[in-house]
């Protein structure tokens, strides 16, 4: 259960940021002009945290499950934004979320593959 705490905390951060208006986000992050990249970063981190929790708890197919969990959370995040004044659900935001998740999981896959290769060549 402890393995899930970082993912749950990060989900709370995403939920909090998702509930802010564009103006509030701009005041929190004045150095960011376009928040599209923020979706990629947020879900890159979320996918890595999901993967870590799934892997540590011995779940099968942690890459696939991490991606599906990111998809589910991304959908609920867009639904949440429907109820936030000044925000709206955006399919393109969901695609950016999944791009970030996919990038993280591909990176994890190749890093683990490289680690196995190094271990077997010793």
PDB file of N, CA and C in Angstrom:
ATOM      1  N   UNK A   1       0.821  -1.199   0.000  1.00  0.00           N
ATOM      2  CA  UNK A   1       0.000   0.000   0.000  1.00  0.00           C
ATOM      3  C   UNK A   1       0.865   1.262   0.000  1.00  0.00           C
ATOM      4  N   UNK A   2       1.975   1.248   0.718  1.00  0.00           N
ATOM      5  CA  UNK A   2       2.847   2.418   0.788  1.00  0.00           C
ATOM      6  C   UNK A   2       3.391   2.804  -0.580  1.00  0.00           C
ATOM      7  N   UNK A   3       3.522   1.836  -1.465  1.00  0.00           N
ATOM      8  CA  UNK A   3       4.045   2.106  -2.808  1.00  0.00           C
ATOM      9  C   UNK A   3       3.127   3.037  -3.585  1.00  0.00           C
ATOM     10  N   UNK A   4       1.859   3.102  -3.209  1.00  0.00           N
ATOM     11  CA  UNK A   4       0.883   3.936  -3.920  1.00  0.00           C
ATOM     12  C   UNK A   4       0.839   5.383  -3.423  1.00  0.00           C
ATOM     13  N   UNK A   5       1.444   5.667  -2.284  1.00  0.00           N
ATOM     14  CA  UNK A   5       1.345   7.013  -1.715  1.00  0.00           C
ATOM     15  C   UNK A   5       1.865   8.100  -2.660  1.00  0.00           C
ATOM     16  N   UNK A   6       3.051   7.951  -3.287  1.00  0.00           N
ATOM     17  CA  UNK A   6       3.495   9.007  -4.205  1.00  0.00           C
ATOM     18  C   UNK A   6       2.517   9.244  -5.364  1.00  0.00           C
ATOM     19  N   UNK A   7       1.953   8.183  -5.917  1.00  0.00           N
ATOM     20  CA  UNK A   7       0.993   8.337  -7.021  1.00  0.00           C
ATOM     21  C   UNK A   7      -0.267   9.052  -6.537  1.00  0.00           C
ATOM     22  N   UNK A   8      -0.729   8.710  -5.364  1.00  0.00           N
ATOM     23  CA  UNK A   8      -1.939   9.347  -4.819  1.00  0.00           C
ATOM     24  C   UNK A   8      -1.693  10.831  -4.549  1.00  0.00           C
ATOM     25  N   UNK A   9      -0.528  11.142  -4.016  1.00  0.00           N
ATOM     26  CA  UNK A   9      -0.189  12.557  -3.779  1.00  0.00           C
ATOM     27  C   UNK A   9      -0.128  13.312  -5.101  1.00  0.00           C
ATOM     28  N   UNK A  10       0.499  12.716  -6.109  1.00  0.00           N
ATOM     29  CA  UNK A  10       0.600  13.382  -7.415  1.00  0.00           C
ATOM     30  C   UNK A  10      -0.789  13.540  -8.052  1.00  0.00           C
ATOM     31  N   UNK A  11      -1.655  12.563  -7.876  1.00  0.00           N
ATOM     32  CA  UNK A  11      -3.024  12.691  -8.379  1.00  0.00           C
ATOM     33  C   UNK A  11      -3.720  13.878  -7.703  1.00  0.00           C
ATOM     34  N   UNK A  12      -3.469  14.066  -6.419  1.00  0.00           N
ATOM     35  CA  UNK A  12      -4.062  15.204  -5.697  1.00  0.00           C
ATOM     36  C   UNK A  12      -3.522  16.526  -6.239  1.00  0.00           C
ATOM     37  N   UNK A  13      -2.245  16.565  -6.578  1.00  0.00           N
ATOM     38  CA  UNK A  13      -1.657  17.777  -7.168  1.00  0.00           C
ATOM     39  C   UNK A  13      -2.332  18.078  -8.507  1.00  0.00           C
ATOM     40  N   UNK A  14      -2.486  17.055  -9.337  1.00  0.00           N
ATOM     41  CA  UNK A  14      -3.152  17.235 -10.637  1.00  0.00           C
ATOM     42  C   UNK A  14      -4.580  17.723 -10.424  1.00  0.00           C
ATOM     43  N   UNK A  15      -5.287  17.115  -9.479  1.00  0.00           N
ATOM     44  CA  UNK A  15      -6.671  17.508  -9.202  1.00  0.00           C
ATOM     45  C   UNK A  15      -6.736  18.970  -8.763  1.00  0.00           C
ATOM     46  N   UNK A  16      -5.826  19.352  -7.891  1.00  0.00           N
ATOM     47  CA  UNK A  16      -5.794  20.737  -7.413  1.00  0.00           C
ATOM     48  C   UNK A  16      -5.562  21.701  -8.583  1.00  0.00           C
ATOM     49  N   UNK A  17      -4.546  21.411  -9.392  1.00  0.00           N
ATOM     50  CA  UNK A  17      -4.229  22.296 -10.521  1.00  0.00           C
ATOM     51  C   UNK A  17      -5.353  22.315 -11.543  1.00  0.00           C
ATOM     52  N   UNK A  18      -6.011  21.195 -11.712  1.00  0.00           N
ATOM     53  CA  UNK A  18      -7.121  21.100 -12.654  1.00  0.00           C
ATOM     54  C   UNK A  18      -8.307  21.958 -12.220  1.00  0.00           C
ATOM     55  N   UNK A  19      -8.402  22.222 -10.934  1.00  0.00           N
ATOM     56  CA  UNK A  19      -9.497  23.022 -10.411  1.00  0.00           C
ATOM     57  C   UNK A  19      -9.215  24.519 -10.401  1.00  0.00           C
ATOM     58  N   UNK A  20      -8.066  24.917 -10.900  1.00  0.00           N
ATOM     59  CA  UNK A  20      -7.717  26.342 -10.954  1.00  0.00           C
ATOM     60  C   UNK A  20      -8.107  26.912 -12.318  1.00  0.00           C
ATOM     61  N   UNK A  21      -8.478  28.178 -12.315  1.00  0.00           N
ATOM     62  CA  UNK A  21      -8.774  28.860 -13.580  1.00  0.00           C
ATOM     63  C   UNK A  21      -7.461  29.169 -14.289  1.00  0.00           C
ATOM     64  N   UNK A  22      -7.559  29.574 -15.548  1.00  0.00           N
ATOM     65  CA  UNK A  22      -6.370  29.933 -16.315  1.00  0.00           C
ATOM     66  C   UNK A  22      -5.583  31.056 -15.656  1.00  0.00           C
ATOM     67  N   UNK A  23      -6.294  32.043 -15.112  1.00  0.00           N
ATOM     68  CA  UNK A  23      -5.640  33.152 -14.422  1.00  0.00           C
ATOM     69  C   UNK A  23      -4.905  32.701 -13.170  1.00  0.00           C
ATOM     70  N   UNK A  24      -5.527  31.808 -12.424  1.00  0.00           N
ATOM     71  CA  UNK A  24      -4.883  31.287 -11.214  1.00  0.00           C
ATOM     72  C   UNK A  24      -3.626  30.498 -11.569  1.00  0.00           C
ATOM     73  N   UNK A  25      -3.717  29.694 -12.632  1.00  0.00           N
ATOM     74  CA  UNK A  25      -2.544  28.931 -13.058  1.00  0.00           C
ATOM     75  C   UNK A  25      -1.422  29.857 -13.514  1.00  0.00           C
ATOM     76  N   UNK A  26      -1.801  30.920 -14.215  1.00  0.00           N
ATOM     77  CA  UNK A  26      -0.789  31.880 -14.674  1.00  0.00           C
ATOM     78  C   UNK A  26      -0.101  32.572 -13.509  1.00  0.00           C
ATOM     79  N   UNK A  27      -0.846  32.850 -12.432  1.00  0.00           N
ATOM     80  CA  UNK A  27      -0.213  33.482 -11.271  1.00  0.00           C
ATOM     81  C   UNK A  27       0.644  32.477 -10.495  1.00  0.00           C
ATOM     82  N   UNK A  28       0.256  31.198 -10.486  1.00  0.00           N
ATOM     83  CA  UNK A  28       1.070  30.167  -9.834  1.00  0.00           C
ATOM     84  C   UNK A  28       2.351  29.886 -10.609  1.00  0.00           C
ATOM     85  N   UNK A  29       2.241  29.924 -11.943  1.00  0.00           N
ATOM     86  CA  UNK A  29       3.367  29.595 -12.827  1.00  0.00           C
ATOM     87  C   UNK A  29       3.566  30.724 -13.841  1.00  0.00           C
ATOM     88  N   UNK A  30       4.037  31.897 -13.395  1.00  0.00           N
ATOM     89  CA  UNK A  30       4.152  33.040 -14.307  1.00  0.00           C
ATOM     90  C   UNK A  30       5.176  32.835 -15.431  1.00  0.00           C
ATOM     91  N   UNK A  31       6.050  31.866 -15.267  1.00  0.00           N
ATOM     92  CA  UNK A  31       7.091  31.607 -16.260  1.00  0.00           C
ATOM     93  C   UNK A  31       6.618  30.674 -17.375  1.00  0.00           C
ATOM     94  N   UNK A  32       5.380  30.193 -17.296  1.00  0.00           N
ATOM     95  CA  UNK A  32       4.836  29.295 -18.324  1.00  0.00           C
ATOM     96  C   UNK A  32       3.771  30.043 -19.116  1.00  0.00           C
ATOM     97  N   UNK A  33       3.965  30.109 -20.418  1.00  0.00           N
ATOM     98  CA  UNK A  33       3.001  30.796 -21.290  1.00  0.00           C
ATOM     99  C   UNK A  33       1.933  29.862 -21.837  1.00  0.00           C
ATOM    100  N   UNK A  34       2.290  28.593 -22.012  1.00  0.00           N
ATOM    101  CA  UNK A  34       1.376  27.635 -22.612  1.00  0.00           C
ATOM    102  C   UNK A  34       1.375  26.382 -21.745  1.00  0.00           C
ATOM    103  N   UNK A  35       0.209  26.029 -21.226  1.00  0.00           N
ATOM    104  CA  UNK A  35       0.128  24.904 -20.302  1.00  0.00           C
ATOM    105  C   UNK A  35      -0.044  23.553 -20.994  1.00  0.00           C
ATOM    106  N   UNK A  36      -0.025  23.526 -22.321  1.00  0.00           N
ATOM    107  CA  UNK A  36      -0.144  22.249 -23.024  1.00  0.00           C
ATOM    108  C   UNK A  36       0.972  21.286 -22.620  1.00  0.00           C
ATOM    109  N   UNK A  37       2.194  21.826 -22.506  1.00  0.00           N
ATOM    110  CA  UNK A  37       3.325  20.989 -22.115  1.00  0.00           C
ATOM    111  C   UNK A  37       3.173  20.500 -20.674  1.00  0.00           C
ATOM    112  N   UNK A  38       2.451  21.245 -19.857  1.00  0.00           N
ATOM    113  CA  UNK A  38       2.215  20.838 -18.481  1.00  0.00           C
ATOM    114  C   UNK A  38       1.465  19.517 -18.379  1.00  0.00           C
ATOM    115  N   UNK A  39       0.557  19.290 -19.325  1.00  0.00           N
ATOM    116  CA  UNK A  39      -0.158  18.004 -19.349  1.00  0.00           C
ATOM    117  C   UNK A  39       0.823  16.859 -19.569  1.00  0.00           C
ATOM    118  N   UNK A  40       1.742  17.063 -20.488  1.00  0.00           N
ATOM    119  CA  UNK A  40       2.726  16.022 -20.803  1.00  0.00           C
ATOM    120  C   UNK A  40       3.590  15.729 -19.578  1.00  0.00           C
ATOM    121  N   UNK A  41       4.066  16.769 -18.930  1.00  0.00           N
ATOM    122  CA  UNK A  41       4.922  16.594 -17.748  1.00  0.00           C
ATOM    123  C   UNK A  41       4.147  15.928 -16.608  1.00  0.00           C
ATOM    124  N   UNK A  42       2.933  16.421 -16.345  1.00  0.00           N
ATOM    125  CA  UNK A  42       2.147  15.884 -15.224  1.00  0.00           C
ATOM    126  C   UNK A  42       1.868  14.394 -15.394  1.00  0.00           C
ATOM    127  N   UNK A  43       1.519  13.983 -16.595  1.00  0.00           N
ATOM    128  CA  UNK A  43       1.175  12.581 -16.807  1.00  0.00           C
ATOM    129  C   UNK A  43       2.397  11.712 -17.059  1.00  0.00           C
ATOM    130  N   UNK A  44       3.519  12.306 -17.446  1.00  0.00           N
ATOM    131  CA  UNK A  44       4.794  11.589 -17.483  1.00  0.00           C
ATOM    132  C   UNK A  44       5.120  11.135 -16.063  1.00  0.00           C
ATOM    133  N   UNK A  45       5.022  12.076 -15.126  1.00  0.00           N
ATOM    134  CA  UNK A  45       5.301  11.772 -13.722  1.00  0.00           C
ATOM    135  C   UNK A  45       4.289  10.781 -13.176  1.00  0.00           C
ATOM    136  N   UNK A  46       3.007  10.985 -13.478  1.00  0.00           N
ATOM    137  CA  UNK A  46       1.971  10.084 -12.966  1.00  0.00           C
ATOM    138  C   UNK A  46       2.180   8.663 -13.468  1.00  0.00           C
ATOM    139  N   UNK A  47       2.490   8.501 -14.739  1.00  0.00           N
ATOM    140  CA  UNK A  47       2.712   7.158 -15.294  1.00  0.00           C
ATOM    141  C   UNK A  47       3.902   6.487 -14.614  1.00  0.00           C
ATOM    142  N   UNK A  48       4.973   7.240 -14.381  1.00  0.00           N
ATOM    143  CA  UNK A  48       6.144   6.674 -13.709  1.00  0.00           C
ATOM    144  C   UNK A  48       5.799   6.244 -12.283  1.00  0.00           C
ATOM    145  N   UNK A  49       4.990   7.051 -11.602  1.00  0.00           N
ATOM    146  CA  UNK A  49       4.596   6.694 -10.233  1.00  0.00           C
ATOM    147  C   UNK A  49       3.651   5.500 -10.207  1.00  0.00           C
ATOM    148  N   UNK A  50       2.726   5.451 -11.158  1.00  0.00           N
ATOM    149  CA  UNK A  50       1.857   4.267 -11.268  1.00  0.00           C
ATOM    150  C   UNK A  50       2.697   3.026 -11.538  1.00  0.00           C
ATOM    151  N   UNK A  51       3.620   3.143 -12.483  1.00  0.00           N
ATOM    152  CA  UNK A  51       4.464   1.991 -12.831  1.00  0.00           C
ATOM    153  C   UNK A  51       5.219   1.509 -11.589  1.00  0.00           C
ATOM    154  N   UNK A  52       5.807   2.444 -10.862  1.00  0.00           N
ATOM    155  CA  UNK A  52       6.568   2.091  -9.662  1.00  0.00           C
ATOM    156  C   UNK A  52       5.694   1.332  -8.670  1.00  0.00           C
ATOM    157  N   UNK A  53       4.495   1.840  -8.431  1.00  0.00           N
ATOM    158  CA  UNK A  53       3.594   1.186  -7.474  1.00  0.00           C
ATOM    159  C   UNK A  53       3.178  -0.198  -7.954  1.00  0.00           C
ATOM    160  N   UNK A  54       2.837  -0.291  -9.231  1.00  0.00           N
ATOM    161  CA  UNK A  54       2.418  -1.585  -9.778  1.00  0.00           C
ATOM    162  C   UNK A  54       3.560  -2.596  -9.759  1.00  0.00           C
ATOM    163  N   UNK A  55       4.733  -2.140 -10.127  1.00  0.00           N
ATOM    164  CA  UNK A  55       5.908  -3.019 -10.155  1.00  0.00           C
ATOM    165  C   UNK A  55       6.257  -3.503  -8.752  1.00  0.00           C
ATOM    166  N   UNK A  56       6.260  -2.569  -7.786  1.00  0.00           N
ATOM    167  CA  UNK A  56       6.612  -2.926  -6.413  1.00  0.00           C
ATOM    168  C   UNK A  56       5.589  -3.859  -5.763  1.00  0.00           C
ATOM    169  N   UNK A  57       4.350  -3.777  -6.211  1.00  0.00           N
ATOM    170  CA  UNK A  57       3.324  -4.648  -5.635  1.00  0.00           C
ATOM    171  C   UNK A  57       3.148  -5.931  -6.447  1.00  0.00           C
ATOM    172  N   UNK A  58       4.012  -6.139  -7.434  1.00  0.00           N
ATOM    173  CA  UNK A  58       4.029  -7.398  -8.179  1.00  0.00           C
ATOM    174  C   UNK A  58       2.894  -7.589  -9.169  1.00  0.00           C
ATOM    175  N   UNK A  59       2.298  -6.508  -9.613  1.00  0.00           N
ATOM    176  CA  UNK A  59       1.202  -6.619 -10.583  1.00  0.00           C
ATOM    177  C   UNK A  59       1.741  -7.013 -11.952  1.00  0.00           C
ATOM    178  N   UNK A  60       1.014  -7.858 -12.659  1.00  0.00           N
ATOM    179  CA  UNK A  60       1.441  -8.202 -14.013  1.00  0.00           C
ATOM    180  C   UNK A  60       1.189  -7.041 -14.975  1.00  0.00           C
ATOM    181  N   UNK A  61       1.995  -6.945 -15.997  1.00  0.00           N
ATOM    182  CA  UNK A  61       1.864  -5.957 -17.074  1.00  0.00           C
ATOM    183  C   UNK A  61       1.778  -4.519 -16.544  1.00  0.00           C
ATOM    184  N   UNK A  62       2.765  -4.111 -15.759  1.00  0.00           N
ATOM    185  CA  UNK A  62       2.692  -2.771 -15.170  1.00  0.00           C
ATOM    186  C   UNK A  62       2.702  -1.641 -16.207  1.00  0.00           C
ATOM    187  N   UNK A  63       3.329  -1.868 -17.366  1.00  0.00           N
ATOM    188  CA  UNK A  63       3.322  -0.823 -18.401  1.00  0.00           C
ATOM    189  C   UNK A  63       1.891  -0.570 -18.889  1.00  0.00           C
ATOM    190  N   UNK A  64       1.207  -1.633 -19.238  1.00  0.00           N
ATOM    191  CA  UNK A  64      -0.154  -1.507 -19.754  1.00  0.00           C
ATOM    192  C   UNK A  64      -1.096  -0.952 -18.691  1.00  0.00           C
ATOM    193  N   UNK A  65      -1.007  -1.479 -17.487  1.00  0.00           N
ATOM    194  CA  UNK A  65      -1.885  -1.004 -16.412  1.00  0.00           C
ATOM    195  C   UNK A  65      -1.623   0.464 -16.085  1.00  0.00           C
ATOM    196  N   UNK A  66      -0.368   0.876 -16.100  1.00  0.00           N
ATOM    197  CA  UNK A  66      -0.042   2.288 -15.851  1.00  0.00           C
ATOM    198  C   UNK A  66      -0.683   3.181 -16.905  1.00  0.00           C
ATOM    199  N   UNK A  67      -0.584   2.761 -18.156  1.00  0.00           N
ATOM    200  CA  UNK A  67      -1.164   3.550 -19.239  1.00  0.00           C
ATOM    201  C   UNK A  67      -2.682   3.639 -19.088  1.00  0.00           C
ATOM    202  N   UNK A  68      -3.309   2.503 -18.778  1.00  0.00           N
ATOM    203  CA  UNK A  68      -4.766   2.500 -18.615  1.00  0.00           C
ATOM    204  C   UNK A  68      -5.203   3.341 -17.411  1.00  0.00           C
ATOM    205  N   UNK A  69      -4.447   3.300 -16.329  1.00  0.00           N
ATOM    206  CA  UNK A  69      -4.761   4.143 -15.178  1.00  0.00           C
ATOM    207  C   UNK A  69      -4.633   5.625 -15.533  1.00  0.00           C
ATOM    208  N   UNK A  70      -3.615   5.962 -16.318  1.00  0.00           N
ATOM    209  CA  UNK A  70      -3.461   7.360 -16.769  1.00  0.00           C
ATOM    210  C   UNK A  70      -4.617   7.763 -17.668  1.00  0.00           C
ATOM    211  N   UNK A  71      -5.051   6.874 -18.527  1.00  0.00           N
ATOM    212  CA  UNK A  71      -6.209   7.152 -19.375  1.00  0.00           C
ATOM    213  C   UNK A  71      -7.435   7.421 -18.510  1.00  0.00           C
ATOM    214  N   UNK A  72      -7.689   6.540 -17.555  1.00  0.00           N
ATOM    215  CA  UNK A  72      -8.848   6.714 -16.678  1.00  0.00           C
ATOM    216  C   UNK A  72      -8.774   7.996 -15.878  1.00  0.00           C
ATOM    217  N   UNK A  73      -7.598   8.302 -15.330  1.00  0.00           N
ATOM    218  CA  UNK A  73      -7.478   9.525 -14.543  1.00  0.00           C
ATOM    219  C   UNK A  73      -7.571  10.754 -15.437  1.00  0.00           C
ATOM    220  N   UNK A  74      -7.028  10.659 -16.640  1.00  0.00           N
ATOM    221  CA  UNK A  74      -7.123  11.774 -17.585  1.00  0.00           C
ATOM    222  C   UNK A  74      -8.569  12.078 -17.954  1.00  0.00           C
ATOM    223  N   UNK A  75      -9.362  11.039 -18.164  1.00  0.00           N
ATOM    224  CA  UNK A  75     -10.777  11.231 -18.484  1.00  0.00           C
ATOM    225  C   UNK A  75     -11.489  11.890 -17.306  1.00  0.00           C
ATOM    226  N   UNK A  76     -11.247  11.390 -16.101  1.00  0.00           N
ATOM    227  CA  UNK A  76     -11.913  11.997 -14.936  1.00  0.00           C
ATOM    228  C   UNK A  76     -11.429  13.431 -14.709  1.00  0.00           C
ATOM    229  N   UNK A  77     -10.186  13.711 -15.047  1.00  0.00           N
ATOM    230  CA  UNK A  77      -9.655  15.068 -14.930  1.00  0.00           C
ATOM    231  C   UNK A  77     -10.380  16.008 -15.888  1.00  0.00           C
ATOM    232  N   UNK A  78     -10.625  15.571 -17.094  1.00  0.00           N
ATOM    233  CA  UNK A  78     -11.350  16.410 -18.059  1.00  0.00           C
ATOM    234  C   UNK A  78     -12.803  16.604 -17.632  1.00  0.00           C
ATOM    235  N   UNK A  79     -13.418  15.579 -17.067  1.00  0.00           N
ATOM    236  CA  UNK A  79     -14.785  15.716 -16.545  1.00  0.00           C
ATOM    237  C   UNK A  79     -14.793  16.728 -15.399  1.00  0.00           C
ATOM    238  N   UNK A  80     -13.803  16.643 -14.520  1.00  0.00           N
ATOM    239  CA  UNK A  80     -13.683  17.583 -13.404  1.00  0.00           C
ATOM    240  C   UNK A  80     -13.632  19.018 -13.923  1.00  0.00           C
ATOM    241  N   UNK A  81     -12.891  19.244 -15.001  1.00  0.00           N
ATOM    242  CA  UNK A  81     -12.749  20.600 -15.528  1.00  0.00           C
ATOM    243  C   UNK A  81     -14.071  21.157 -16.064  1.00  0.00           C
ATOM    244  N   UNK A  82     -14.992  20.299 -16.410  1.00  0.00           N
ATOM    245  CA  UNK A  82     -16.310  20.747 -16.863  1.00  0.00           C
ATOM    246  C   UNK A  82     -17.004  21.569 -15.773  1.00  0.00           C
ATOM    247  N   UNK A  83     -16.732  21.243 -14.519  1.00  0.00           N
ATOM    248  CA  UNK A  83     -17.386  21.889 -13.392  1.00  0.00           C
ATOM    249  C   UNK A  83     -16.598  23.079 -12.826  1.00  0.00           C
ATOM    250  N   UNK A  84     -15.462  23.389 -13.426  1.00  0.00           N
ATOM    251  CA  UNK A  84     -14.629  24.503 -12.964  1.00  0.00           C
ATOM    252  C   UNK A  84     -14.919  25.716 -13.842  1.00  0.00           C
ATOM    253  N   UNK A  85     -15.356  26.827 -13.230  1.00  0.00           N
ATOM    254  CA  UNK A  85     -15.625  28.028 -14.029  1.00  0.00           C
ATOM    255  C   UNK A  85     -14.389  28.464 -14.827  1.00  0.00           C
ATOM    256  N   UNK A  86     -14.586  28.748 -16.087  1.00  0.00           N
ATOM    257  CA  UNK A  86     -13.484  29.174 -16.944  1.00  0.00           C
ATOM    258  C   UNK A  86     -12.673  28.045 -17.524  1.00  0.00           C
ATOM    259  N   UNK A  87     -12.987  26.818 -17.179  1.00  0.00           N
ATOM    260  CA  UNK A  87     -12.283  25.642 -17.717  1.00  0.00           C
ATOM    261  C   UNK A  87     -13.299  24.797 -18.463  1.00  0.00           C
ATOM    262  N   UNK A  88     -12.805  23.939 -19.328  1.00  0.00           N
ATOM    263  CA  UNK A  88     -13.678  23.045 -20.076  1.00  0.00           C
ATOM    264  C   UNK A  88     -12.917  21.786 -20.445  1.00  0.00           C
ATOM    265  N   UNK A  89     -13.634  20.681 -20.640  1.00  0.00           N
ATOM    266  CA  UNK A  89     -12.969  19.443 -21.065  1.00  0.00           C
ATOM    267  C   UNK A  89     -12.411  19.619 -22.473  1.00  0.00           C
ATOM    268  N   UNK A  90     -11.248  19.069 -22.703  1.00  0.00           N
ATOM    269  CA  UNK A  90     -10.599  19.195 -23.997  1.00  0.00           C
ATOM    270  C   UNK A  90      -9.968  17.857 -24.375  1.00  0.00           C
ATOM    271  N   UNK A  91     -10.437  17.288 -25.467  1.00  0.00           N
ATOM    272  CA  UNK A  91      -9.912  16.005 -25.936  1.00  0.00           C
ATOM    273  C   UNK A  91      -8.417  16.101 -26.227  1.00  0.00           C
ATOM    274  N   UNK A  92      -7.967  17.247 -26.710  1.00  0.00           N
ATOM    275  CA  UNK A  92      -6.542  17.415 -27.009  1.00  0.00           C
ATOM    276  C   UNK A  92      -5.700  17.401 -25.731  1.00  0.00           C
ATOM    277  N   UNK A  93      -6.260  17.891 -24.632  1.00  0.00           N
ATOM    278  CA  UNK A  93      -5.556  17.788 -23.355  1.00  0.00           C
ATOM    279  C   UNK A  93      -5.392  16.319 -22.961  1.00  0.00           C
ATOM    280  N   UNK A  94      -6.426  15.533 -23.175  1.00  0.00           N
ATOM    281  CA  UNK A  94      -6.343  14.107 -22.874  1.00  0.00           C
ATOM    282  C   UNK A  94      -5.268  13.446 -23.730  1.00  0.00           C
ATOM    283  N   UNK A  95      -5.191  13.828 -24.994  1.00  0.00           N
ATOM    284  CA  UNK A  95      -4.140  13.277 -25.858  1.00  0.00           C
ATOM    285  C   UNK A  95      -2.753  13.661 -25.353  1.00  0.00           C
ATOM    286  N   UNK A  96      -2.610  14.896 -24.882  1.00  0.00           N
ATOM    287  CA  UNK A  96      -1.321  15.316 -24.314  1.00  0.00           C
ATOM    288  C   UNK A  96      -1.011  14.516 -23.037  1.00  0.00           C
ATOM    289  N   UNK A  97      -2.030  14.270 -22.225  1.00  0.00           N
ATOM    290  CA  UNK A  97      -1.839  13.445 -21.029  1.00  0.00           C
ATOM    291  C   UNK A  97      -1.301  12.066 -21.416  1.00  0.00           C
ATOM    292  N   UNK A  98      -1.916  11.469 -22.417  1.00  0.00           N
ATOM    293  CA  UNK A  98      -1.515  10.127 -22.830  1.00  0.00           C
ATOM    294  C   UNK A  98      -0.149  10.128 -23.499  1.00  0.00           C
ATOM    295  N   UNK A  99       0.190  11.218 -24.172  1.00  0.00           N
ATOM    296  CA  UNK A  99       1.529  11.327 -24.765  1.00  0.00           C
ATOM    297  C   UNK A  99       2.581  11.340 -23.659  1.00  0.00           C
ATOM    298  N   UNK A 100       2.330  12.102 -22.597  1.00  0.00           N
ATOM    299  CA  UNK A 100       3.259  12.130 -21.473  1.00  0.00           C
ATOM    300  C   UNK A 100       3.393  10.774 -20.809  1.00  0.00           C
ATOM    301  N   UNK A 101       2.259  10.108 -20.605  1.00  0.00           N
ATOM    302  CA  UNK A 101       2.280   8.770 -20.006  1.00  0.00           C
ATOM    303  C   UNK A 101       3.035   7.796 -20.896  1.00  0.00           C
ATOM    304  N   UNK A 102       2.745   7.843 -22.174  1.00  0.00           N
ATOM    305  CA  UNK A 102       3.417   6.941 -23.118  1.00  0.00           C
ATOM    306  C   UNK A 102       4.921   7.164 -23.151  1.00  0.00           C
ATOM    307  N   UNK A 103       5.334   8.430 -23.138  1.00  0.00           N
ATOM    308  CA  UNK A 103       6.774   8.734 -23.131  1.00  0.00           C
ATOM    309  C   UNK A 103       7.453   8.158 -21.898  1.00  0.00           C
ATOM    310  N   UNK A 104       6.836   8.329 -20.749  1.00  0.00           N
ATOM    311  CA  UNK A 104       7.411   7.802 -19.512  1.00  0.00           C
ATOM    312  C   UNK A 104       7.537   6.287 -19.580  1.00  0.00           C
ATOM    313  N   UNK A 105       6.498   5.628 -20.044  1.00  0.00           N
ATOM    314  CA  UNK A 105       6.495   4.164 -20.047  1.00  0.00           C
ATOM    315  C   UNK A 105       7.457   3.595 -21.079  1.00  0.00           C
ATOM    316  N   UNK A 106       7.609   4.260 -22.202  1.00  0.00           N
ATOM    317  CA  UNK A 106       8.605   3.830 -23.200  1.00  0.00           C
ATOM    318  C   UNK A 106      10.007   4.005 -22.624  1.00  0.00           C
ATOM    319  N   UNK A 107      10.241   5.133 -21.971  1.00  0.00           N
ATOM    320  CA  UNK A 107      11.541   5.366 -21.350  1.00  0.00           C
ATOM    321  C   UNK A 107      11.839   4.310 -20.290  1.00  0.00           C
ATOM    322  N   UNK A 108      10.874   4.013 -19.451  1.00  0.00           N
ATOM    323  CA  UNK A 108      11.047   2.983 -18.420  1.00  0.00           C
ATOM    324  C   UNK A 108      11.353   1.638 -19.063  1.00  0.00           C
ATOM    325  N   UNK A 109      10.633   1.300 -20.115  1.00  0.00           N
ATOM    326  CA  UNK A 109      10.846   0.031 -20.808  1.00  0.00           C
ATOM    327  C   UNK A 109      12.290  -0.089 -21.286  1.00  0.00           C
ATOM    328  N   UNK A 110      12.781   0.957 -21.958  1.00  0.00           N
ATOM    329  CA  UNK A 110      14.128   0.892 -22.496  1.00  0.00           C
ATOM    330  C   UNK A 110      15.196   0.953 -21.401  1.00  0.00           C
ATOM    331  N   UNK A 111      14.953   1.691 -20.337  1.00  0.00           N
ATOM    332  CA  UNK A 111      15.907   1.719 -19.235  1.00  0.00           C
ATOM    333  C   UNK A 111      16.003   0.354 -18.555  1.00  0.00           C
ATOM    334  N   UNK A 112      14.866  -0.313 -18.365  1.00  0.00           N
ATOM    335  CA  UNK A 112      14.866  -1.643 -17.758  1.00  0.00           C
ATOM    336  C   UNK A 112      15.534  -2.662 -18.687  1.00  0.00           C
ATOM    337  N   UNK A 113      15.292  -2.520 -19.978  1.00  0.00           N
ATOM    338  CA  UNK A 113      15.904  -3.411 -20.957  1.00  0.00           C
ATOM    339  C   UNK A 113      17.423  -3.240 -20.939  1.00  0.00           C
ATOM    340  N   UNK A 114      17.881  -2.002 -20.886  1.00  0.00           N
ATOM    341  CA  UNK A 114      19.316  -1.719 -20.828  1.00  0.00           C
ATOM    342  C   UNK A 114      19.927  -2.271 -19.540  1.00  0.00           C
ATOM    343  N   UNK A 115      19.210  -2.127 -18.444  1.00  0.00           N
ATOM    344  CA  UNK A 115      19.698  -2.638 -17.155  1.00  0.00           C
ATOM    345  C   UNK A 115      19.857  -4.151 -17.200  1.00  0.00           C
ATOM    346  N   UNK A 116      18.872  -4.843 -17.787  1.00  0.00           N
ATOM    347  CA  UNK A 116      18.949  -6.305 -17.927  1.00  0.00           C
ATOM    348  C   UNK A 116      20.110  -6.696 -18.820  1.00  0.00           C
ATOM    349  N   UNK A 117      20.303  -5.943 -19.896  1.00  0.00           N
ATOM    350  CA  UNK A 117      21.388  -6.236 -20.838  1.00  0.00           C
ATOM    351  C   UNK A 117      22.746  -6.099 -20.126  1.00  0.00           C
ATOM    352  N   UNK A 118      22.904  -5.035 -19.352  1.00  0.00           N
ATOM    353  CA  UNK A 118      24.162  -4.840 -18.604  1.00  0.00           C
ATOM    354  C   UNK A 118      24.380  -5.950 -17.586  1.00  0.00           C
ATOM    355  N   UNK A 119      23.314  -6.354 -16.907  1.00  0.00           N
ATOM    356  CA  UNK A 119      23.433  -7.395 -15.895  1.00  0.00           C
ATOM    357  C   UNK A 119      23.804  -8.746 -16.528  1.00  0.00           C
ATOM    358  N   UNK A 120      23.266  -9.021 -17.698  1.00  0.00           N
ATOM    359  CA  UNK A 120      23.545 -10.295 -18.347  1.00  0.00           C
ATOM    360  C   UNK A 120      24.922 -10.337 -19.002  1.00  0.00           C
ATOM    361  N   UNK A 121      25.502  -9.184 -19.281  1.00  0.00           N
ATOM    362  CA  UNK A 121      26.814  -9.156 -19.928  1.00  0.00           C
ATOM    363  C   UNK A 121      27.967  -9.115 -18.924  1.00  0.00           C
ATOM    364  N   UNK A 122      27.660  -9.163 -17.643  1.00  0.00           N
ATOM    365  CA  UNK A 122      28.720  -9.170 -16.603  1.00  0.00           C
ATOM    366  C   UNK A 122      29.297 -10.522 -16.390  1.00  0.00           C
TER     367      UNK A 122
END
